[in-house]
Every structure is written in C-alpha cells, then in structure tokens.
Amino acid sequence: MSYQHENLAAGRWQEFNFFEQMANVGSEVERTISWRQRNPEYSRLAFERALELLDLTAADKKNLSRLKELLRVREALADYFMFDNIYGSDDQKWRNYFYAFNFAARNKVKS
C-alpha cells in the first residue's frame, strides 16, 4: 500500500499519544474544510490524508479500546465530505470535535 505519510506509516505514528494522533487528523480535516471552496483538489487530497491518519490511528494497538469511536468518526467524515451527510454534520461540529484533541495534545495530557 502506498502512503502519503510514509514515515508515519513506517512506525513513527505509534510514537504519538492518542490525543496527538487525533489532533493531526483534525489538522487534515481543517485543511479539507478550508480548501473546499478555493481548491476542491487540495481539499480532496487533505481528506485522503485525514482518512489515512485515522486508519493509522485505528491500527495502533494502544487505541484498541477506542476502535469503535474511531471507525464511527471515519464513517461520519466520509458521510459528510463524500456522501449525503445523513448524520447532519457541519464544519463547526467537526472543528469542535477535533479542538478537544488539539487542546489535550498541546497541554501534554497523557492518553
């Protein structure tokens, strides 16, 4: 499989704690949102990176107890950005969701 984040996929991703991982996913989601109107191609690429990082997070053994949430987040993101938005997501809800992880990661909260 080809990764956009090759060095992270090679094992570096597991060095981050859960909050740092999710904050990085959130950064790609923010790029997806911010590029959506200005450059749809950049937005699509950022979305693909977000999914890739989310998949790496789900595959990380230390996150096994969070697997259900991670897979639901992935489903809801795909629904919002690529399908019919049956869950009723919006940009601000995604920003709020990932803000908590960013806050925890910046304040060195241990997961």
PDB file of N, CA and C in Angstrom:
ATOM      1  N   MET A   1       0.836  -1.185   0.000  1.00  0.00           N
ATOM      2  CA  MET A   1       0.000   0.000   0.000  1.00  0.00           C
ATOM      3  C   MET A   1       0.880   1.247   0.000  1.00  0.00           C
ATOM      4  N   SER A   2       0.473   2.230  -0.722  1.00  0.00           N
ATOM      5  CA  SER A   2       1.207   3.484  -0.811  1.00  0.00           C
ATOM      6  C   SER A   2       0.615   4.497   0.172  1.00  0.00           C
ATOM      7  N   TYR A   3       1.480   5.125   0.957  1.00  0.00           N
ATOM      8  CA  TYR A   3       1.048   6.105   1.941  1.00  0.00           C
ATOM      9  C   TYR A   3       1.559   7.489   1.574  1.00  0.00           C
ATOM     10  N   GLN A   4       0.749   8.504   1.844  1.00  0.00           N
ATOM     11  CA  GLN A   4       1.220   9.877   1.698  1.00  0.00           C
ATOM     12  C   GLN A   4       2.141  10.239   2.855  1.00  0.00           C
ATOM     13  N   HIS A   5       1.893   9.637   3.998  1.00  0.00           N
ATOM     14  CA  HIS A   5       2.711   9.852   5.194  1.00  0.00           C
ATOM     15  C   HIS A   5       3.577   8.611   5.422  1.00  0.00           C
ATOM     16  N   GLU A   6       4.529   8.385   4.553  1.00  0.00           N
ATOM     17  CA  GLU A   6       5.316   7.146   4.600  1.00  0.00           C
ATOM     18  C   GLU A   6       6.073   6.961   5.905  1.00  0.00           C
ATOM     19  N   ASN A   7       6.713   8.022   6.408  1.00  0.00           N
ATOM     20  CA  ASN A   7       7.492   7.862   7.642  1.00  0.00           C
ATOM     21  C   ASN A   7       6.584   7.616   8.850  1.00  0.00           C
ATOM     22  N   LEU A   8       5.382   8.168   8.826  1.00  0.00           N
ATOM     23  CA  LEU A   8       4.446   7.896   9.913  1.00  0.00           C
ATOM     24  C   LEU A   8       3.931   6.464   9.840  1.00  0.00           C
ATOM     25  N   ALA A   9       3.634   6.014   8.632  1.00  0.00           N
ATOM     26  CA  ALA A   9       3.135   4.651   8.440  1.00  0.00           C
ATOM     27  C   ALA A   9       4.204   3.618   8.791  1.00  0.00           C
ATOM     28  N   ALA A  10       5.458   4.000   8.682  1.00  0.00           N
ATOM     29  CA  ALA A  10       6.562   3.076   8.970  1.00  0.00           C
ATOM     30  C   ALA A  10       6.783   2.861  10.468  1.00  0.00           C
ATOM     31  N   GLY A  11       6.017   3.524  11.300  1.00  0.00           N
ATOM     32  CA  GLY A  11       6.133   3.284  12.735  1.00  0.00           C
ATOM     33  C   GLY A  11       6.182   4.532  13.593  1.00  0.00           C
ATOM     34  N   ARG A  12       6.493   5.655  13.000  1.00  0.00           N
ATOM     35  CA  ARG A  12       6.597   6.884  13.787  1.00  0.00           C
ATOM     36  C   ARG A  12       5.248   7.290  14.387  1.00  0.00           C
ATOM     37  N   TRP A  13       4.166   6.955  13.705  1.00  0.00           N
ATOM     38  CA  TRP A  13       2.830   7.331  14.179  1.00  0.00           C
ATOM     39  C   TRP A  13       2.546   6.763  15.569  1.00  0.00           C
ATOM     40  N   GLN A  14       3.033   5.561  15.831  1.00  0.00           N
ATOM     41  CA  GLN A  14       2.791   4.920  17.122  1.00  0.00           C
ATOM     42  C   GLN A  14       3.512   5.620  18.271  1.00  0.00           C
ATOM     43  N   GLU A  15       4.476   6.469  17.952  1.00  0.00           N
ATOM     44  CA  GLU A  15       5.181   7.220  18.991  1.00  0.00           C
ATOM     45  C   GLU A  15       4.319   8.344  19.567  1.00  0.00           C
ATOM     46  N   PHE A  16       3.328   8.782  18.815  1.00  0.00           N
ATOM     47  CA  PHE A  16       2.429   9.841  19.290  1.00  0.00           C
ATOM     48  C   PHE A  16       1.372   9.236  20.208  1.00  0.00           C
ATOM     49  N   ASN A  17       0.950  10.003  21.204  1.00  0.00           N
ATOM     50  CA  ASN A  17      -0.153   9.527  22.022  1.00  0.00           C
ATOM     51  C   ASN A  17      -1.463   9.746  21.257  1.00  0.00           C
ATOM     52  N   PHE A  18      -2.537   9.204  21.778  1.00  0.00           N
ATOM     53  CA  PHE A  18      -3.837   9.260  21.086  1.00  0.00           C
ATOM     54  C   PHE A  18      -4.262  10.693  20.789  1.00  0.00           C
ATOM     55  N   PHE A  19      -4.085  11.595  21.749  1.00  0.00           N
ATOM     56  CA  PHE A  19      -4.503  12.982  21.541  1.00  0.00           C
ATOM     57  C   PHE A  19      -3.697  13.648  20.426  1.00  0.00           C
ATOM     58  N   GLU A  20      -2.406  13.372  20.373  1.00  0.00           N
ATOM     59  CA  GLU A  20      -1.569  13.924  19.302  1.00  0.00           C
ATOM     60  C   GLU A  20      -1.991  13.358  17.945  1.00  0.00           C
ATOM     61  N   GLN A  21      -2.293  12.073  17.911  1.00  0.00           N
ATOM     62  CA  GLN A  21      -2.739  11.458  16.660  1.00  0.00           C
ATOM     63  C   GLN A  21      -4.025  12.121  16.179  1.00  0.00           C
ATOM     64  N   MET A  22      -4.991  12.253  17.070  1.00  0.00           N
ATOM     65  CA  MET A  22      -6.274  12.827  16.669  1.00  0.00           C
ATOM     66  C   MET A  22      -6.161  14.315  16.335  1.00  0.00           C
ATOM     67  N   ALA A  23      -5.273  15.028  17.000  1.00  0.00           N
ATOM     68  CA  ALA A  23      -5.053  16.436  16.659  1.00  0.00           C
ATOM     69  C   ALA A  23      -4.502  16.554  15.237  1.00  0.00           C
ATOM     70  N   ASN A  24      -3.629  15.624  14.851  1.00  0.00           N
ATOM     71  CA  ASN A  24      -3.103  15.630  13.487  1.00  0.00           C
ATOM     72  C   ASN A  24      -4.180  15.279  12.465  1.00  0.00           C
ATOM     73  N   VAL A  25      -5.046  14.346  12.798  1.00  0.00           N
ATOM     74  CA  VAL A  25      -6.190  14.051  11.924  1.00  0.00           C
ATOM     75  C   VAL A  25      -7.022  15.326  11.774  1.00  0.00           C
ATOM     76  N   GLY A  26      -7.271  15.995  12.887  1.00  0.00           N
ATOM     77  CA  GLY A  26      -8.049  17.225  12.873  1.00  0.00           C
ATOM     78  C   GLY A  26      -7.431  18.315  12.009  1.00  0.00           C
ATOM     79  N   SER A  27      -6.108  18.380  11.967  1.00  0.00           N
ATOM     80  CA  SER A  27      -5.446  19.364  11.105  1.00  0.00           C
ATOM     81  C   SER A  27      -5.758  19.105   9.636  1.00  0.00           C
ATOM     82  N   GLU A  28      -5.767  17.826   9.266  1.00  0.00           N
ATOM     83  CA  GLU A  28      -6.108  17.496   7.876  1.00  0.00           C
ATOM     84  C   GLU A  28      -7.591  17.755   7.595  1.00  0.00           C
ATOM     85  N   VAL A  29      -8.436  17.517   8.571  1.00  0.00           N
ATOM     86  CA  VAL A  29      -9.865  17.818   8.395  1.00  0.00           C
ATOM     87  C   VAL A  29     -10.040  19.326   8.231  1.00  0.00           C
ATOM     88  N   GLU A  30      -9.322  20.105   9.011  1.00  0.00           N
ATOM     89  CA  GLU A  30      -9.389  21.566   8.875  1.00  0.00           C
ATOM     90  C   GLU A  30      -8.924  22.002   7.480  1.00  0.00           C
ATOM     91  N   ARG A  31      -7.867  21.392   6.969  1.00  0.00           N
ATOM     92  CA  ARG A  31      -7.420  21.708   5.600  1.00  0.00           C
ATOM     93  C   ARG A  31      -8.489  21.326   4.580  1.00  0.00           C
ATOM     94  N   THR A  32      -9.140  20.199   4.800  1.00  0.00           N
ATOM     95  CA  THR A  32     -10.224  19.771   3.911  1.00  0.00           C
ATOM     96  C   THR A  32     -11.315  20.824   3.866  1.00  0.00           C
ATOM     97  N   ILE A  33     -11.693  21.320   5.027  1.00  0.00           N
ATOM     98  CA  ILE A  33     -12.741  22.340   5.118  1.00  0.00           C
ATOM     99  C   ILE A  33     -12.294  23.641   4.468  1.00  0.00           C
ATOM    100  N   SER A  34     -11.098  24.085   4.804  1.00  0.00           N
ATOM    101  CA  SER A  34     -10.662  25.410   4.338  1.00  0.00           C
ATOM    102  C   SER A  34     -10.390  25.460   2.830  1.00  0.00           C
ATOM    103  N   TRP A  35     -10.026  24.335   2.232  1.00  0.00           N
ATOM    104  CA  TRP A  35      -9.754  24.313   0.794  1.00  0.00           C
ATOM    105  C   TRP A  35     -10.982  23.969  -0.051  1.00  0.00           C
ATOM    106  N   ARG A  36     -12.052  23.541   0.567  1.00  0.00           N
ATOM    107  CA  ARG A  36     -13.210  23.029  -0.181  1.00  0.00           C
ATOM    108  C   ARG A  36     -13.714  24.004  -1.242  1.00  0.00           C
ATOM    109  N   GLN A  37     -13.845  25.264  -0.916  1.00  0.00           N
ATOM    110  CA  GLN A  37     -14.355  26.252  -1.876  1.00  0.00           C
ATOM    111  C   GLN A  37     -13.275  26.793  -2.804  1.00  0.00           C
ATOM    112  N   ARG A  38     -12.062  26.950  -2.290  1.00  0.00           N
ATOM    113  CA  ARG A  38     -10.993  27.570  -3.069  1.00  0.00           C
ATOM    114  C   ARG A  38     -10.322  26.622  -4.040  1.00  0.00           C
ATOM    115  N   ASN A  39     -10.124  25.374  -3.622  1.00  0.00           N
ATOM    116  CA  ASN A  39      -9.434  24.415  -4.483  1.00  0.00           C
ATOM    117  C   ASN A  39      -9.905  23.005  -4.122  1.00  0.00           C
ATOM    118  N   PRO A  40     -10.933  22.526  -4.809  1.00  0.00           N
ATOM    119  CA  PRO A  40     -11.500  21.204  -4.483  1.00  0.00           C
ATOM    120  C   PRO A  40     -10.477  20.067  -4.529  1.00  0.00           C
ATOM    121  N   GLU A  41      -9.490  20.160  -5.389  1.00  0.00           N
ATOM    122  CA  GLU A  41      -8.477  19.103  -5.479  1.00  0.00           C
ATOM    123  C   GLU A  41      -7.624  19.064  -4.209  1.00  0.00           C
ATOM    124  N   TYR A  42      -7.191  20.230  -3.727  1.00  0.00           N
ATOM    125  CA  TYR A  42      -6.437  20.282  -2.476  1.00  0.00           C
ATOM    126  C   TYR A  42      -7.288  19.749  -1.322  1.00  0.00           C
ATOM    127  N   SER A  43      -8.569  20.094  -1.337  1.00  0.00           N
ATOM    128  CA  SER A  43      -9.481  19.621  -0.305  1.00  0.00           C
ATOM    129  C   SER A  43      -9.580  18.099  -0.327  1.00  0.00           C
ATOM    130  N   ARG A  44      -9.718  17.524  -1.505  1.00  0.00           N
ATOM    131  CA  ARG A  44      -9.809  16.073  -1.639  1.00  0.00           C
ATOM    132  C   ARG A  44      -8.547  15.396  -1.123  1.00  0.00           C
ATOM    133  N   LEU A  45      -7.397  15.950  -1.481  1.00  0.00           N
ATOM    134  CA  LEU A  45      -6.130  15.367  -1.029  1.00  0.00           C
ATOM    135  C   LEU A  45      -5.989  15.445   0.492  1.00  0.00           C
ATOM    136  N   ALA A  46      -6.409  16.555   1.077  1.00  0.00           N
ATOM    137  CA  ALA A  46      -6.366  16.689   2.541  1.00  0.00           C
ATOM    138  C   ALA A  46      -7.309  15.679   3.190  1.00  0.00           C
ATOM    139  N   PHE A  47      -8.467  15.466   2.582  1.00  0.00           N
ATOM    140  CA  PHE A  47      -9.406  14.482   3.110  1.00  0.00           C
ATOM    141  C   PHE A  47      -8.804  13.079   3.062  1.00  0.00           C
ATOM    142  N   GLU A  48      -8.145  12.752   1.973  1.00  0.00           N
ATOM    143  CA  GLU A  48      -7.488  11.443   1.867  1.00  0.00           C
ATOM    144  C   GLU A  48      -6.411  11.286   2.932  1.00  0.00           C
ATOM    145  N   ARG A  49      -5.663  12.362   3.200  1.00  0.00           N
ATOM    146  CA  ARG A  49      -4.644  12.303   4.256  1.00  0.00           C
ATOM    147  C   ARG A  49      -5.296  12.120   5.624  1.00  0.00           C
ATOM    148  N   ALA A  50      -6.419  12.790   5.846  1.00  0.00           N
ATOM    149  CA  ALA A  50      -7.136  12.639   7.122  1.00  0.00           C
ATOM    150  C   ALA A  50      -7.563  11.192   7.321  1.00  0.00           C
ATOM    151  N   LEU A  51      -8.110  10.578   6.280  1.00  0.00           N
ATOM    152  CA  LEU A  51      -8.522   9.180   6.383  1.00  0.00           C
ATOM    153  C   LEU A  51      -7.321   8.269   6.617  1.00  0.00           C
ATOM    154  N   GLU A  52      -6.215   8.569   5.944  1.00  0.00           N
ATOM    155  CA  GLU A  52      -5.010   7.764   6.126  1.00  0.00           C
ATOM    156  C   GLU A  52      -4.533   7.828   7.580  1.00  0.00           C
ATOM    157  N   LEU A  53      -4.490   9.024   8.141  1.00  0.00           N
ATOM    158  CA  LEU A  53      -4.059   9.170   9.533  1.00  0.00           C
ATOM    159  C   LEU A  53      -5.059   8.524  10.496  1.00  0.00           C
ATOM    160  N   LEU A  54      -6.324   8.632  10.183  1.00  0.00           N
ATOM    161  CA  LEU A  54      -7.328   7.983  11.019  1.00  0.00           C
ATOM    162  C   LEU A  54      -7.183   6.463  10.966  1.00  0.00           C
ATOM    163  N   ASP A  55      -6.876   5.932   9.789  1.00  0.00           N
ATOM    164  CA  ASP A  55      -6.640   4.490   9.662  1.00  0.00           C
ATOM    165  C   ASP A  55      -5.406   4.056  10.446  1.00  0.00           C
ATOM    166  N   LEU A  56      -4.351   4.867  10.398  1.00  0.00           N
ATOM    167  CA  LEU A  56      -3.153   4.552  11.190  1.00  0.00           C
ATOM    168  C   LEU A  56      -3.463   4.595  12.686  1.00  0.00           C
ATOM    169  N   THR A  57      -4.306   5.527  13.083  1.00  0.00           N
ATOM    170  CA  THR A  57      -4.706   5.630  14.488  1.00  0.00           C
ATOM    171  C   THR A  57      -5.500   4.400  14.901  1.00  0.00           C
ATOM    172  N   ALA A  58      -6.414   3.972  14.049  1.00  0.00           N
ATOM    173  CA  ALA A  58      -7.232   2.786  14.340  1.00  0.00           C
ATOM    174  C   ALA A  58      -6.378   1.520  14.384  1.00  0.00           C
ATOM    175  N   ALA A  59      -5.321   1.477  13.588  1.00  0.00           N
ATOM    176  CA  ALA A  59      -4.452   0.290  13.548  1.00  0.00           C
ATOM    177  C   ALA A  59      -3.464   0.243  14.706  1.00  0.00           C
ATOM    178  N   ASP A  60      -3.289   1.356  15.408  1.00  0.00           N
ATOM    179  CA  ASP A  60      -2.355   1.422  16.531  1.00  0.00           C
ATOM    180  C   ASP A  60      -2.922   0.617  17.703  1.00  0.00           C
ATOM    181  N   LYS A  61      -2.187  -0.375  18.147  1.00  0.00           N
ATOM    182  CA  LYS A  61      -2.659  -1.297  19.187  1.00  0.00           C
ATOM    183  C   LYS A  61      -3.056  -0.602  20.492  1.00  0.00           C
ATOM    184  N   LYS A  62      -2.411   0.519  20.801  1.00  0.00           N
ATOM    185  CA  LYS A  62      -2.751   1.189  22.056  1.00  0.00           C
ATOM    186  C   LYS A  62      -4.138   1.823  22.009  1.00  0.00           C
ATOM    187  N   ASN A  63      -4.714   1.930  20.813  1.00  0.00           N
ATOM    188  CA  ASN A  63      -6.031   2.544  20.656  1.00  0.00           C
ATOM    189  C   ASN A  63      -7.150   1.521  20.498  1.00  0.00           C
ATOM    190  N   LEU A  64      -6.869   0.273  20.793  1.00  0.00           N
ATOM    191  CA  LEU A  64      -7.854  -0.788  20.589  1.00  0.00           C
ATOM    192  C   LEU A  64      -9.168  -0.507  21.321  1.00  0.00           C
ATOM    193  N   SER A  65      -9.089   0.041  22.517  1.00  0.00           N
ATOM    194  CA  SER A  65     -10.310   0.322  23.283  1.00  0.00           C
ATOM    195  C   SER A  65     -11.121   1.469  22.673  1.00  0.00           C
ATOM    196  N   ARG A  66     -10.522   2.210  21.759  1.00  0.00           N
ATOM    197  CA  ARG A  66     -11.191   3.340  21.108  1.00  0.00           C
ATOM    198  C   ARG A  66     -11.595   3.018  19.665  1.00  0.00           C
ATOM    199  N   LEU A  67     -11.415   1.788  19.257  1.00  0.00           N
ATOM    200  CA  LEU A  67     -11.635   1.411  17.866  1.00  0.00           C
ATOM    201  C   LEU A  67     -13.048   1.735  17.389  1.00  0.00           C
ATOM    202  N   LYS A  68     -14.038   1.473  18.214  1.00  0.00           N
ATOM    203  CA  LYS A  68     -15.427   1.736  17.832  1.00  0.00           C
ATOM    204  C   LYS A  68     -15.631   3.224  17.512  1.00  0.00           C
ATOM    205  N   GLU A  69     -15.124   4.093  18.377  1.00  0.00           N
ATOM    206  CA  GLU A  69     -15.250   5.534  18.141  1.00  0.00           C
ATOM    207  C   GLU A  69     -14.503   5.941  16.871  1.00  0.00           C
ATOM    208  N   LEU A  70     -13.303   5.422  16.703  1.00  0.00           N
ATOM    209  CA  LEU A  70     -12.506   5.790  15.531  1.00  0.00           C
ATOM    210  C   LEU A  70     -13.195   5.403  14.227  1.00  0.00           C
ATOM    211  N   LEU A  71     -13.788   4.228  14.211  1.00  0.00           N
ATOM    212  CA  LEU A  71     -14.467   3.784  12.993  1.00  0.00           C
ATOM    213  C   LEU A  71     -15.746   4.588  12.743  1.00  0.00           C
ATOM    214  N   ARG A  72     -16.402   4.992  13.805  1.00  0.00           N
ATOM    215  CA  ARG A  72     -17.588   5.850  13.633  1.00  0.00           C
ATOM    216  C   ARG A  72     -17.195   7.238  13.147  1.00  0.00           C
ATOM    217  N   VAL A  73     -16.103   7.766  13.654  1.00  0.00           N
ATOM    218  CA  VAL A  73     -15.610   9.063  13.175  1.00  0.00           C
ATOM    219  C   VAL A  73     -15.288   8.964  11.690  1.00  0.00           C
ATOM    220  N   ARG A  74     -14.629   7.885  11.300  1.00  0.00           N
ATOM    221  CA  ARG A  74     -14.286   7.692   9.887  1.00  0.00           C
ATOM    222  C   ARG A  74     -15.543   7.653   9.023  1.00  0.00           C
ATOM    223  N   GLU A  75     -16.540   6.907   9.484  1.00  0.00           N
ATOM    224  CA  GLU A  75     -17.807   6.801   8.750  1.00  0.00           C
ATOM    225  C   GLU A  75     -18.490   8.168   8.622  1.00  0.00           C
ATOM    226  N   ALA A  76     -18.526   8.913   9.724  1.00  0.00           N
ATOM    227  CA  ALA A  76     -19.185  10.218   9.713  1.00  0.00           C
ATOM    228  C   ALA A  76     -18.427  11.224   8.847  1.00  0.00           C
ATOM    229  N   LEU A  77     -17.102  11.177   8.873  1.00  0.00           N
ATOM    230  CA  LEU A  77     -16.318  12.059   7.999  1.00  0.00           C
ATOM    231  C   LEU A  77     -16.591  11.746   6.531  1.00  0.00           C
ATOM    232  N   ALA A  78     -16.574  10.472   6.177  1.00  0.00           N
ATOM    233  CA  ALA A  78     -16.844  10.080   4.794  1.00  0.00           C
ATOM    234  C   ALA A  78     -18.251  10.506   4.390  1.00  0.00           C
ATOM    235  N   ASP A  79     -19.207  10.318   5.286  1.00  0.00           N
ATOM    236  CA  ASP A  79     -20.581  10.728   5.006  1.00  0.00           C
ATOM    237  C   ASP A  79     -20.657  12.230   4.744  1.00  0.00           C
ATOM    238  N   TYR A  80     -19.974  13.015   5.563  1.00  0.00           N
ATOM    239  CA  TYR A  80     -20.040  14.473   5.437  1.00  0.00           C
ATOM    240  C   TYR A  80     -19.343  14.979   4.176  1.00  0.00           C
ATOM    241  N   PHE A  81     -18.141  14.514   3.939  1.00  0.00           N
ATOM    242  CA  PHE A  81     -17.364  15.066   2.836  1.00  0.00           C
ATOM    243  C   PHE A  81     -17.618  14.400   1.482  1.00  0.00           C
ATOM    244  N   MET A  82     -18.085  13.167   1.481  1.00  0.00           N
ATOM    245  CA  MET A  82     -18.193  12.450   0.209  1.00  0.00           C
ATOM    246  C   MET A  82     -19.614  11.975  -0.143  1.00  0.00           C
ATOM    247  N   PHE A  83     -20.507  11.912   0.831  1.00  0.00           N
ATOM    248  CA  PHE A  83     -21.813  11.320   0.565  1.00  0.00           C
ATOM    249  C   PHE A  83     -22.942  12.281   0.926  1.00  0.00           C
ATOM    250  N   ASP A  84     -24.006  11.793   1.525  1.00  0.00           N
ATOM    251  CA  ASP A  84     -25.249  12.563   1.698  1.00  0.00           C
ATOM    252  C   ASP A  84     -25.406  13.276   3.034  1.00  0.00           C
ATOM    253  N   ASN A  85     -24.418  13.183   3.900  1.00  0.00           N
ATOM    254  CA  ASN A  85     -24.448  13.820   5.216  1.00  0.00           C
ATOM    255  C   ASN A  85     -25.705  13.428   6.004  1.00  0.00           C
ATOM    256  N   ILE A  86     -25.954  12.137   6.066  1.00  0.00           N
ATOM    257  CA  ILE A  86     -27.134  11.659   6.792  1.00  0.00           C
ATOM    258  C   ILE A  86     -27.019  11.886   8.301  1.00  0.00           C
ATOM    259  N   TYR A  87     -25.796  12.105   8.798  1.00  0.00           N
ATOM    260  CA  TYR A  87     -25.603  12.348  10.231  1.00  0.00           C
ATOM    261  C   TYR A  87     -25.747  13.828  10.596  1.00  0.00           C
ATOM    262  N   GLY A  88     -25.923  14.681   9.613  1.00  0.00           N
ATOM    263  CA  GLY A  88     -26.140  16.097   9.883  1.00  0.00           C
ATOM    264  C   GLY A  88     -24.918  16.839  10.393  1.00  0.00           C
ATOM    265  N   SER A  89     -23.740  16.454   9.931  1.00  0.00           N
ATOM    266  CA  SER A  89     -22.509  17.136  10.337  1.00  0.00           C
ATOM    267  C   SER A  89     -22.421  18.502   9.665  1.00  0.00           C
ATOM    268  N   ASP A  90     -21.586  19.346  10.232  1.00  0.00           N
ATOM    269  CA  ASP A  90     -21.237  20.600   9.571  1.00  0.00           C
ATOM    270  C   ASP A  90     -19.806  20.964   9.963  1.00  0.00           C
ATOM    271  N   ASP A  91     -19.268  21.961   9.285  1.00  0.00           N
ATOM    272  CA  ASP A  91     -17.871  22.345   9.512  1.00  0.00           C
ATOM    273  C   ASP A  91     -17.592  22.637  10.979  1.00  0.00           C
ATOM    274  N   GLN A  92     -18.478  23.400  11.615  1.00  0.00           N
ATOM    275  CA  GLN A  92     -18.232  23.791  13.005  1.00  0.00           C
ATOM    276  C   GLN A  92     -18.266  22.602  13.949  1.00  0.00           C
ATOM    277  N   LYS A  93     -19.133  21.640  13.717  1.00  0.00           N
ATOM    278  CA  LYS A  93     -19.167  20.443  14.570  1.00  0.00           C
ATOM    279  C   LYS A  93     -17.849  19.671  14.475  1.00  0.00           C
ATOM    280  N   TRP A  94     -17.289  19.565  13.268  1.00  0.00           N
ATOM    281  CA  TRP A  94     -16.011  18.873  13.123  1.00  0.00           C
ATOM    282  C   TRP A  94     -14.894  19.657  13.787  1.00  0.00           C
ATOM    283  N   ARG A  95     -14.928  20.983  13.636  1.00  0.00           N
ATOM    284  CA  ARG A  95     -13.908  21.795  14.307  1.00  0.00           C
ATOM    285  C   ARG A  95     -13.992  21.615  15.817  1.00  0.00           C
ATOM    286  N   ASN A  96     -15.186  21.634  16.363  1.00  0.00           N
ATOM    287  CA  ASN A  96     -15.367  21.456  17.808  1.00  0.00           C
ATOM    288  C   ASN A  96     -14.896  20.083  18.267  1.00  0.00           C
ATOM    289  N   TYR A  97     -15.202  19.054  17.500  1.00  0.00           N
ATOM    290  CA  TYR A  97     -14.800  17.694  17.865  1.00  0.00           C
ATOM    291  C   TYR A  97     -13.276  17.591  17.965  1.00  0.00           C
ATOM    292  N   PHE A  98     -12.597  18.093  16.946  1.00  0.00           N
ATOM    293  CA  PHE A  98     -11.137  17.953  16.935  1.00  0.00           C
ATOM    294  C   PHE A  98     -10.427  18.981  17.812  1.00  0.00           C
ATOM    295  N   TYR A  99     -11.098  20.068  18.157  1.00  0.00           N
ATOM    296  CA  TYR A  99     -10.488  21.072  19.024  1.00  0.00           C
ATOM    297  C   TYR A  99     -10.076  20.470  20.367  1.00  0.00           C
ATOM    298  N   ALA A 100     -10.907  19.606  20.908  1.00  0.00           N
ATOM    299  CA  ALA A 100     -10.598  18.996  22.208  1.00  0.00           C
ATOM    300  C   ALA A 100      -9.298  18.199  22.151  1.00  0.00           C
ATOM    301  N   PHE A 101      -9.066  17.499  21.060  1.00  0.00           N
ATOM    302  CA  PHE A 101      -7.825  16.729  20.917  1.00  0.00           C
ATOM    303  C   PHE A 101      -6.631  17.657  20.776  1.00  0.00           C
ATOM    304  N   ASN A 102      -6.812  18.735  20.045  1.00  0.00           N
ATOM    305  CA  ASN A 102      -5.743  19.713  19.881  1.00  0.00           C
ATOM    306  C   ASN A 102      -5.387  20.320  21.238  1.00  0.00           C
ATOM    307  N   PHE A 103      -6.401  20.668  22.015  1.00  0.00           N
ATOM    308  CA  PHE A 103      -6.177  21.226  23.349  1.00  0.00           C
ATOM    309  C   PHE A 103      -5.406  20.241  24.225  1.00  0.00           C
ATOM    310  N   ALA A 104      -5.848  18.985  24.232  1.00  0.00           N
ATOM    311  CA  ALA A 104      -5.193  17.961  25.055  1.00  0.00           C
ATOM    312  C   ALA A 104      -3.752  17.725  24.605  1.00  0.00           C
ATOM    313  N   ALA A 105      -3.530  17.684  23.296  1.00  0.00           N
ATOM    314  CA  ALA A 105      -2.181  17.441  22.785  1.00  0.00           C
ATOM    315  C   ALA A 105      -1.249  18.599  23.135  1.00  0.00           C
ATOM    316  N   ARG A 106      -1.729  19.816  23.017  1.00  0.00           N
ATOM    317  CA  ARG A 106      -0.896  20.985  23.318  1.00  0.00           C
ATOM    318  C   ARG A 106      -0.593  21.108  24.809  1.00  0.00           C
ATOM    319  N   ASN A 107      -1.483  20.602  25.629  1.00  0.00           N
ATOM    320  CA  ASN A 107      -1.293  20.679  27.083  1.00  0.00           C
ATOM    321  C   ASN A 107      -0.680  19.413  27.653  1.00  0.00           C
ATOM    322  N   LYS A 108      -0.155  18.570  26.764  1.00  0.00           N
ATOM    323  CA  LYS A 108       0.574  17.363  27.144  1.00  0.00           C
ATOM    324  C   LYS A 108      -0.235  16.431  28.050  1.00  0.00           C
ATOM    325  N   VAL A 109      -1.536  16.335  27.774  1.00  0.00           N
ATOM    326  CA  VAL A 109      -2.371  15.396  28.508  1.00  0.00           C
ATOM    327  C   VAL A 109      -1.990  13.997  28.068  1.00  0.00           C
ATOM    328  N   LYS A 110      -1.820  13.110  29.003  1.00  0.00           N
ATOM    329  CA  LYS A 110      -1.459  11.728  28.667  1.00  0.00           C
ATOM    330  C   LYS A 110      -2.724  10.936  28.396  1.00  0.00           C
ATOM    331  N   SER A 111      -2.692  10.179  27.312  1.00  0.00           N
ATOM    332  CA  SER A 111      -3.887   9.377  26.967  1.00  0.00           C
ATOM    333  C   SER A 111      -3.776   7.976  27.511  1.00  0.00           C
TER     334      SER A 111
END
